[in-house]
């Protein structure tokens, strides 16, 4: 039985590095930086992570938090003023 010719995969577009450099992406925060960002204690941030109230990322031995996730957490807890 003759072998079918193998088609070469098409090249995927490469990630545009210039576009990512100009994006508004903020670097992740470690736990002490996240506690400063939120204005709380390190213990409170660790409790938020343990209760899974905020998403966290483990990279090696470090735990990192996205500033966008922290902003979302703050927005969920917002209460409108009564007028």
Protein backbone atom coordinates (compact mmCIF):
# COMPACT_ATOMS: atom_id res chain seq x y z
CA UNK A 1 0.00 0.00 0.00
CA UNK A 2 1.58 3.33 -0.99
CA UNK A 3 2.19 5.89 1.70
CA UNK A 4 0.09 9.00 1.73
CA UNK A 5 2.09 12.22 1.45
CA UNK A 6 2.21 14.06 4.73
CA UNK A 7 1.08 17.64 4.47
CA UNK A 8 3.25 20.21 6.14
CA UNK A 9 1.57 22.14 8.91
CA UNK A 10 0.80 25.71 8.07
CA UNK A 11 2.77 28.29 9.97
CA UNK A 12 0.83 29.99 12.72
CA UNK A 13 1.24 33.73 13.08
CA UNK A 14 3.86 34.58 15.65
CA UNK A 15 2.99 36.48 18.77
CA UNK A 16 3.41 40.17 18.13
CA UNK A 17 5.83 41.39 20.78
CA UNK A 18 5.29 45.04 19.99
CA UNK A 19 1.60 44.75 20.68
CA UNK A 20 2.20 43.14 24.07
CA UNK A 21 4.77 45.76 25.06
CA UNK A 22 2.24 48.53 24.49
CA UNK A 23 -0.63 46.75 26.24
CA UNK A 24 -1.82 47.81 29.65
CA UNK A 25 -1.02 44.48 31.26
CA UNK A 26 0.19 44.89 34.81
CA UNK A 27 2.72 42.53 36.38
CA UNK A 28 1.48 40.06 39.00
CA UNK A 29 1.85 40.88 42.69
CA UNK A 30 3.27 38.72 45.45
CA UNK A 31 1.36 38.47 48.74
CA UNK A 32 3.03 41.43 50.54
CA UNK A 33 2.54 43.68 47.49
CA UNK A 34 -1.09 42.53 47.19
CA UNK A 35 -1.71 43.36 50.84
CA UNK A 36 -0.36 46.88 50.26
CA UNK A 37 -2.48 47.18 47.13
CA UNK A 38 -5.62 46.21 49.04
CA UNK A 39 -4.66 48.10 52.20
CA UNK A 40 -4.95 44.97 54.34
CA UNK A 41 -2.62 42.63 56.17
CA UNK A 42 -0.65 39.76 54.66
CA UNK A 43 -2.71 37.40 56.80
CA UNK A 44 -5.95 38.69 55.26
CA UNK A 45 -4.62 38.14 51.71
CA UNK A 46 -3.55 34.60 52.63
CA UNK A 47 -7.06 33.98 54.00
CA UNK A 48 -8.62 35.29 50.77
CA UNK A 49 -6.47 32.82 48.84
CA UNK A 50 -7.27 29.91 51.18
CA UNK A 51 -11.00 30.64 50.95
CA UNK A 52 -10.64 30.89 47.15
CA UNK A 53 -12.23 34.34 47.14
CA UNK A 54 -9.44 35.54 44.84
CA UNK A 55 -7.58 33.64 42.13
CA UNK A 56 -3.90 32.94 42.72
CA UNK A 57 -1.07 31.46 40.72
CA UNK A 58 1.75 29.34 42.05
CA UNK A 59 5.02 29.80 40.20
CA UNK A 60 7.75 27.73 41.77
CA UNK A 61 7.58 28.56 45.46
CA UNK A 62 5.92 31.93 44.94
CA UNK A 63 2.23 32.76 45.10
CA UNK A 64 1.23 35.52 42.71
CA UNK A 65 -1.97 37.50 42.32
CA UNK A 66 -3.23 39.42 39.31
CA UNK A 67 -4.03 43.09 39.95
CA UNK A 68 -7.07 42.63 37.69
CA UNK A 69 -8.37 39.87 39.98
CA UNK A 70 -7.84 42.12 42.99
CA UNK A 71 -9.74 44.94 41.27
CA UNK A 72 -12.57 42.50 40.59
CA UNK A 73 -12.61 41.48 44.26
CA UNK A 74 -12.86 45.13 45.28
CA UNK A 75 -15.66 45.74 42.76
CA UNK A 76 -17.67 42.80 44.14
CA UNK A 77 -17.46 44.22 47.64
CA UNK A 78 -18.52 47.71 46.61
CA UNK A 79 -21.67 49.06 48.20
CA UNK A 80 -23.41 52.08 46.76
CA UNK A 81 -24.11 55.03 49.00
CA UNK A 82 -27.68 55.81 49.98
CA UNK A 83 -28.82 59.23 48.88
